[in-house]
């Protein structure tokens, strides 16, 4: 359903993502809103800890996929918003635990503010689910 695309004309990714991802579009598209480190009870997980927050965000993405009948393997693209781009390596360390090959295409940008000052990361995603 999903294939990682790599071109020798492009630099190799420096993190856990693909240059591009192609997906069989015969399935259903799942658009996941920006997930933060909020646990199911509404509390913020890992205040001040990017590794714990990234783990919670990935768990939230997983829960959203599963609620729609899919899994993290169905995610083709993620957009990552971080408060400190210096956390890049830690974020990708955690992503390796959740996203198997072929990994989604990805963009990561540093932002000045988020909805809550305790949020260090937010990830939105697009998945293609089998019918």
N, C-alpha and C. Protein backbone atom coordinates (compact mmCIF):
# COMPACT_ATOMS: atom_id res chain seq x y z
N UNK A 1 0.82 -1.20 0.00
CA UNK A 1 0.00 0.00 0.00
C UNK A 1 0.86 1.26 0.00
N UNK A 2 2.05 1.21 0.60
CA UNK A 2 2.90 2.39 0.74
C UNK A 2 4.32 2.02 0.35
N UNK A 3 4.99 2.92 -0.37
CA UNK A 3 6.37 2.67 -0.79
C UNK A 3 7.23 3.89 -0.55
N UNK A 4 8.39 3.67 0.01
CA UNK A 4 9.35 4.74 0.23
C UNK A 4 10.07 5.04 -1.08
N UNK A 5 10.16 6.33 -1.42
CA UNK A 5 10.82 6.75 -2.65
C UNK A 5 12.15 7.39 -2.29
N UNK A 6 13.18 7.03 -3.05
CA UNK A 6 14.51 7.58 -2.82
C UNK A 6 15.12 7.91 -4.18
N UNK A 7 15.75 9.07 -4.28
CA UNK A 7 16.37 9.49 -5.52
C UNK A 7 17.84 9.81 -5.29
N UNK A 8 18.73 9.32 -6.15
CA UNK A 8 20.14 9.66 -6.01
C UNK A 8 20.40 11.15 -6.28
N UNK A 9 19.42 11.85 -6.83
CA UNK A 9 19.57 13.28 -7.09
C UNK A 9 19.29 14.12 -5.84
N UNK A 10 18.88 13.45 -4.75
CA UNK A 10 18.58 14.14 -3.50
C UNK A 10 19.49 13.65 -2.39
N UNK A 11 19.78 14.53 -1.44
CA UNK A 11 20.57 14.14 -0.27
C UNK A 11 19.79 13.12 0.55
N UNK A 12 20.49 12.19 1.15
CA UNK A 12 19.85 11.19 2.01
C UNK A 12 19.28 11.88 3.25
N UNK A 13 18.11 11.44 3.73
CA UNK A 13 17.54 12.03 4.94
C UNK A 13 18.50 11.92 6.13
N UNK A 14 18.51 12.95 6.95
CA UNK A 14 19.38 12.93 8.13
C UNK A 14 18.62 12.53 9.39
N UNK A 15 17.42 12.03 9.20
CA UNK A 15 16.60 11.55 10.31
C UNK A 15 15.79 10.36 9.86
N UNK A 16 14.80 9.99 10.65
CA UNK A 16 13.98 8.80 10.38
C UNK A 16 12.75 9.21 9.57
N UNK A 17 12.97 9.44 8.26
CA UNK A 17 11.90 9.78 7.34
C UNK A 17 12.36 9.49 5.92
N UNK A 18 11.41 9.48 4.99
CA UNK A 18 11.76 9.24 3.60
C UNK A 18 11.73 10.54 2.82
N UNK A 19 12.43 10.54 1.67
CA UNK A 19 12.41 11.72 0.80
C UNK A 19 10.99 11.94 0.26
N UNK A 20 10.33 10.84 -0.02
CA UNK A 20 8.95 10.88 -0.52
C UNK A 20 8.31 9.52 -0.25
N UNK A 21 7.00 9.51 -0.23
CA UNK A 21 6.25 8.28 -0.03
C UNK A 21 5.12 8.23 -1.05
N UNK A 22 4.99 7.10 -1.71
CA UNK A 22 3.88 6.91 -2.64
C UNK A 22 2.94 5.88 -2.01
N UNK A 23 1.65 6.14 -2.12
CA UNK A 23 0.67 5.24 -1.51
C UNK A 23 -0.43 4.92 -2.51
N UNK A 24 -0.94 3.73 -2.41
CA UNK A 24 -2.09 3.32 -3.20
C UNK A 24 -3.28 4.12 -2.70
N UNK A 25 -3.80 5.01 -3.51
CA UNK A 25 -4.86 5.91 -3.08
C UNK A 25 -6.26 5.30 -3.20
N UNK A 26 -6.34 3.98 -3.37
CA UNK A 26 -7.65 3.34 -3.45
C UNK A 26 -8.28 3.18 -2.08
N UNK A 27 -7.50 3.41 -1.04
CA UNK A 27 -8.02 3.29 0.32
C UNK A 27 -8.69 4.57 0.78
N UNK A 28 -8.92 4.65 2.07
CA UNK A 28 -9.51 5.85 2.68
C UNK A 28 -8.39 6.73 3.20
N UNK A 29 -8.53 8.04 3.04
CA UNK A 29 -7.54 8.97 3.58
C UNK A 29 -7.92 9.32 5.01
N UNK A 30 -6.94 9.31 5.89
CA UNK A 30 -7.13 9.70 7.29
C UNK A 30 -6.26 10.91 7.55
N UNK A 31 -6.87 12.01 7.93
CA UNK A 31 -6.15 13.23 8.26
C UNK A 31 -6.18 13.39 9.77
N UNK A 32 -5.02 13.31 10.39
CA UNK A 32 -4.93 13.36 11.85
C UNK A 32 -4.50 14.77 12.27
N UNK A 33 -5.31 15.40 13.08
CA UNK A 33 -4.99 16.72 13.61
C UNK A 33 -3.70 16.68 14.41
N UNK A 34 -3.13 17.84 14.63
CA UNK A 34 -1.91 17.91 15.42
C UNK A 34 -2.08 17.27 16.78
N UNK A 35 -1.27 16.25 17.04
CA UNK A 35 -1.30 15.56 18.32
C UNK A 35 -0.19 16.13 19.20
N UNK A 36 -0.53 16.38 20.44
CA UNK A 36 0.42 16.88 21.43
C UNK A 36 0.64 15.79 22.48
N UNK A 37 1.32 16.14 23.53
CA UNK A 37 1.65 15.17 24.59
C UNK A 37 0.54 15.05 25.62
N UNK A 38 -0.69 15.30 25.23
CA UNK A 38 -1.80 15.14 26.16
C UNK A 38 -2.20 13.68 26.25
N UNK A 39 -2.26 13.18 27.46
CA UNK A 39 -2.73 11.82 27.72
C UNK A 39 -4.25 11.80 27.61
N UNK A 40 -4.84 10.61 27.63
CA UNK A 40 -6.30 10.47 27.49
C UNK A 40 -7.07 11.23 28.56
N UNK A 41 -6.47 11.40 29.74
CA UNK A 41 -7.16 12.13 30.81
C UNK A 41 -6.97 13.64 30.71
N UNK A 42 -6.27 14.10 29.66
CA UNK A 42 -6.08 15.54 29.45
C UNK A 42 -4.82 16.12 30.05
N UNK A 43 -4.12 15.35 30.87
CA UNK A 43 -2.88 15.87 31.46
C UNK A 43 -1.76 15.86 30.42
N UNK A 44 -0.79 16.74 30.61
CA UNK A 44 0.35 16.80 29.70
C UNK A 44 1.44 15.87 30.22
N UNK A 45 1.83 14.94 29.37
CA UNK A 45 2.88 13.97 29.71
C UNK A 45 4.25 14.61 29.51
N UNK A 46 5.17 14.33 30.42
CA UNK A 46 6.57 14.69 30.23
C UNK A 46 6.86 16.17 30.13
N UNK A 47 6.27 16.97 30.96
CA UNK A 47 6.54 18.41 30.93
C UNK A 47 8.06 18.63 31.04
N UNK A 48 8.61 19.34 30.07
CA UNK A 48 10.05 19.61 30.06
C UNK A 48 10.91 18.49 29.49
N UNK A 49 10.29 17.38 29.04
CA UNK A 49 11.05 16.22 28.57
C UNK A 49 10.61 15.86 27.14
N UNK A 50 11.43 16.21 26.16
CA UNK A 50 11.07 15.99 24.75
C UNK A 50 10.93 14.51 24.42
N UNK A 51 11.72 13.64 25.03
CA UNK A 51 11.60 12.21 24.73
C UNK A 51 10.25 11.66 25.17
N UNK A 52 9.85 11.99 26.40
CA UNK A 52 8.55 11.51 26.90
C UNK A 52 7.40 12.12 26.11
N UNK A 53 7.53 13.39 25.75
CA UNK A 53 6.45 14.03 24.99
C UNK A 53 6.35 13.43 23.59
N UNK A 54 7.47 13.16 22.95
CA UNK A 54 7.45 12.55 21.62
C UNK A 54 6.81 11.18 21.68
N UNK A 55 7.14 10.42 22.70
CA UNK A 55 6.56 9.08 22.88
C UNK A 55 5.03 9.18 23.03
N UNK A 56 4.55 10.14 23.83
CA UNK A 56 3.10 10.31 24.01
C UNK A 56 2.44 10.73 22.70
N UNK A 57 3.07 11.64 21.96
CA UNK A 57 2.53 12.06 20.68
C UNK A 57 2.41 10.86 19.74
N UNK A 58 3.43 10.03 19.67
CA UNK A 58 3.39 8.84 18.81
C UNK A 58 2.31 7.86 19.26
N UNK A 59 2.14 7.71 20.56
CA UNK A 59 1.05 6.86 21.07
C UNK A 59 -0.30 7.44 20.67
N UNK A 60 -0.43 8.76 20.69
CA UNK A 60 -1.68 9.40 20.29
C UNK A 60 -1.95 9.21 18.80
N UNK A 61 -0.91 9.32 17.98
CA UNK A 61 -1.07 9.05 16.55
C UNK A 61 -1.52 7.61 16.32
N UNK A 62 -0.91 6.70 17.06
CA UNK A 62 -1.27 5.28 16.96
C UNK A 62 -2.73 5.07 17.33
N UNK A 63 -3.18 5.70 18.40
CA UNK A 63 -4.57 5.56 18.85
C UNK A 63 -5.53 6.11 17.80
N UNK A 64 -5.19 7.23 17.17
CA UNK A 64 -6.05 7.81 16.13
C UNK A 64 -6.13 6.87 14.93
N UNK A 65 -5.00 6.32 14.53
CA UNK A 65 -4.99 5.37 13.41
C UNK A 65 -5.84 4.15 13.72
N UNK A 66 -5.65 3.59 14.90
CA UNK A 66 -6.39 2.39 15.28
C UNK A 66 -7.89 2.65 15.38
N UNK A 67 -8.27 3.85 15.84
CA UNK A 67 -9.69 4.19 15.94
C UNK A 67 -10.35 4.23 14.55
N UNK A 68 -9.55 4.50 13.52
CA UNK A 68 -10.06 4.54 12.15
C UNK A 68 -9.89 3.20 11.44
N UNK A 69 -9.37 2.19 12.15
CA UNK A 69 -9.19 0.87 11.56
C UNK A 69 -7.84 0.65 10.90
N UNK A 70 -6.87 1.48 11.23
CA UNK A 70 -5.54 1.34 10.64
C UNK A 70 -4.46 1.18 11.68
N UNK A 71 -3.23 1.49 11.27
CA UNK A 71 -2.08 1.41 12.17
C UNK A 71 -1.07 2.46 11.74
N UNK A 72 -0.01 2.59 12.52
CA UNK A 72 1.04 3.55 12.19
C UNK A 72 1.68 3.25 10.83
N UNK A 73 1.63 1.99 10.40
CA UNK A 73 2.18 1.62 9.09
C UNK A 73 1.46 2.32 7.95
N UNK A 74 0.25 2.80 8.19
CA UNK A 74 -0.55 3.46 7.16
C UNK A 74 -0.21 4.94 6.99
N UNK A 75 0.55 5.50 7.93
CA UNK A 75 0.89 6.93 7.86
C UNK A 75 1.91 7.16 6.76
N UNK A 76 1.58 8.08 5.86
CA UNK A 76 2.44 8.39 4.71
C UNK A 76 3.18 9.71 4.88
N UNK A 77 2.65 10.60 5.71
CA UNK A 77 3.27 11.91 5.90
C UNK A 77 3.02 12.41 7.31
N UNK A 78 4.04 13.04 7.88
CA UNK A 78 3.90 13.72 9.17
C UNK A 78 4.48 15.13 9.05
N UNK A 79 3.85 16.05 9.74
CA UNK A 79 4.37 17.40 9.89
C UNK A 79 4.64 17.60 11.37
N UNK A 80 5.88 17.93 11.70
CA UNK A 80 6.33 17.99 13.08
C UNK A 80 6.67 19.44 13.44
N UNK A 81 6.08 19.91 14.51
CA UNK A 81 6.32 21.26 15.01
C UNK A 81 6.98 21.13 16.37
N UNK A 82 8.14 21.75 16.53
CA UNK A 82 8.90 21.64 17.78
C UNK A 82 9.25 23.02 18.31
N UNK A 83 9.40 23.09 19.61
CA UNK A 83 9.83 24.34 20.24
C UNK A 83 11.33 24.54 20.15
N UNK A 84 12.09 23.42 20.00
CA UNK A 84 13.55 23.50 19.93
C UNK A 84 14.05 22.49 18.91
N UNK A 85 14.52 22.98 17.78
CA UNK A 85 14.99 22.10 16.70
C UNK A 85 16.21 21.29 17.12
N UNK A 86 16.88 21.70 18.19
CA UNK A 86 18.03 20.95 18.71
C UNK A 86 17.61 19.59 19.25
N UNK A 87 16.33 19.36 19.42
CA UNK A 87 15.81 18.07 19.89
C UNK A 87 15.65 17.07 18.74
N UNK A 88 16.07 17.42 17.54
CA UNK A 88 15.91 16.60 16.34
C UNK A 88 16.31 15.15 16.57
N UNK A 89 17.53 14.91 17.08
CA UNK A 89 18.03 13.54 17.25
C UNK A 89 17.20 12.74 18.25
N UNK A 90 16.78 13.35 19.33
CA UNK A 90 15.97 12.65 20.33
C UNK A 90 14.61 12.28 19.74
N UNK A 91 14.02 13.21 19.01
CA UNK A 91 12.72 12.96 18.38
C UNK A 91 12.82 11.80 17.41
N UNK A 92 13.86 11.78 16.61
CA UNK A 92 14.00 10.71 15.62
C UNK A 92 14.35 9.37 16.27
N UNK A 93 15.02 9.41 17.40
CA UNK A 93 15.27 8.18 18.15
C UNK A 93 13.94 7.54 18.55
N UNK A 94 13.02 8.33 19.04
CA UNK A 94 11.71 7.82 19.44
C UNK A 94 10.91 7.39 18.21
N UNK A 95 10.97 8.17 17.15
CA UNK A 95 10.23 7.83 15.93
C UNK A 95 10.64 6.47 15.39
N UNK A 96 11.93 6.12 15.53
CA UNK A 96 12.40 4.81 15.07
C UNK A 96 11.69 3.66 15.80
N UNK A 97 11.27 3.90 17.03
CA UNK A 97 10.56 2.88 17.80
C UNK A 97 9.13 2.68 17.31
N UNK A 98 8.56 3.69 16.68
CA UNK A 98 7.16 3.64 16.28
C UNK A 98 6.94 3.43 14.79
N UNK A 99 7.82 3.97 13.96
CA UNK A 99 7.62 3.92 12.52
C UNK A 99 8.61 2.97 11.87
N UNK A 100 8.07 1.89 11.28
CA UNK A 100 8.87 0.91 10.57
C UNK A 100 8.99 1.34 9.11
N UNK A 101 9.97 0.78 8.41
CA UNK A 101 10.14 1.03 6.99
C UNK A 101 8.99 0.39 6.22
N UNK A 102 8.47 1.04 5.20
CA UNK A 102 8.84 2.35 4.69
C UNK A 102 8.31 3.47 5.58
N UNK A 103 9.19 4.38 5.94
CA UNK A 103 8.83 5.45 6.87
C UNK A 103 8.15 6.60 6.13
N UNK A 104 7.34 7.37 6.84
CA UNK A 104 6.61 8.45 6.18
C UNK A 104 7.53 9.60 5.74
N UNK A 105 7.06 10.33 4.76
CA UNK A 105 7.69 11.60 4.41
C UNK A 105 7.43 12.55 5.58
N UNK A 106 8.31 13.54 5.75
CA UNK A 106 8.21 14.35 6.96
C UNK A 106 8.78 15.75 6.76
N UNK A 107 8.19 16.68 7.47
CA UNK A 107 8.73 18.03 7.58
C UNK A 107 8.80 18.34 9.06
N UNK A 108 9.89 18.97 9.50
CA UNK A 108 10.01 19.40 10.89
C UNK A 108 10.41 20.88 10.90
N UNK A 109 9.68 21.66 11.67
CA UNK A 109 9.99 23.08 11.80
C UNK A 109 9.95 23.49 13.27
N UNK A 110 10.75 24.47 13.60
CA UNK A 110 10.73 25.04 14.94
C UNK A 110 9.74 26.19 14.95
N UNK A 111 8.93 26.23 16.00
CA UNK A 111 7.93 27.29 16.16
C UNK A 111 8.17 28.02 17.47
N UNK A 112 7.74 29.26 17.54
CA UNK A 112 7.96 30.08 18.73
C UNK A 112 6.99 29.72 19.86
N UNK A 113 5.75 29.43 19.51
CA UNK A 113 4.74 29.16 20.53
C UNK A 113 3.83 28.03 20.08
N UNK A 114 3.22 27.38 21.08
CA UNK A 114 2.18 26.39 20.84
C UNK A 114 0.98 26.78 21.70
N UNK A 115 -0.09 26.03 21.58
CA UNK A 115 -1.33 26.36 22.31
C UNK A 115 -1.10 26.42 23.82
N UNK A 116 -0.29 25.50 24.33
CA UNK A 116 0.06 25.49 25.76
C UNK A 116 1.57 25.63 25.87
N UNK A 117 2.05 26.42 26.80
CA UNK A 117 3.50 26.61 26.92
C UNK A 117 4.28 25.36 27.29
N UNK A 118 3.61 24.35 27.86
CA UNK A 118 4.30 23.11 28.24
C UNK A 118 4.50 22.15 27.07
N UNK A 119 3.83 22.39 25.94
CA UNK A 119 4.01 21.52 24.78
C UNK A 119 5.36 21.79 24.14
N UNK A 120 6.11 20.73 23.89
CA UNK A 120 7.40 20.83 23.22
C UNK A 120 7.33 20.35 21.78
N UNK A 121 6.29 19.58 21.43
CA UNK A 121 6.18 18.97 20.11
C UNK A 121 4.71 18.75 19.76
N UNK A 122 4.41 18.86 18.47
CA UNK A 122 3.09 18.54 17.95
C UNK A 122 3.30 17.92 16.58
N UNK A 123 2.56 16.84 16.30
CA UNK A 123 2.69 16.16 15.01
C UNK A 123 1.31 15.93 14.42
N UNK A 124 1.14 16.34 13.17
CA UNK A 124 -0.06 16.01 12.41
C UNK A 124 0.33 14.97 11.37
N UNK A 125 -0.64 14.22 10.86
CA UNK A 125 -0.30 13.12 9.97
C UNK A 125 -1.40 12.88 8.93
N UNK A 126 -0.98 12.24 7.84
CA UNK A 126 -1.90 11.78 6.81
C UNK A 126 -1.61 10.30 6.59
N UNK A 127 -2.67 9.50 6.61
CA UNK A 127 -2.55 8.06 6.41
C UNK A 127 -3.48 7.62 5.29
N UNK A 128 -3.12 6.53 4.64
CA UNK A 128 -3.98 5.89 3.66
C UNK A 128 -4.36 4.53 4.23
N UNK A 129 -5.64 4.34 4.49
CA UNK A 129 -6.14 3.11 5.11
C UNK A 129 -6.76 2.21 4.05
N UNK A 130 -6.57 0.92 4.20
CA UNK A 130 -7.22 -0.03 3.30
C UNK A 130 -8.73 0.07 3.50
N UNK A 131 -9.46 -0.20 2.46
CA UNK A 131 -10.94 -0.14 2.55
C UNK A 131 -11.47 -1.14 3.53
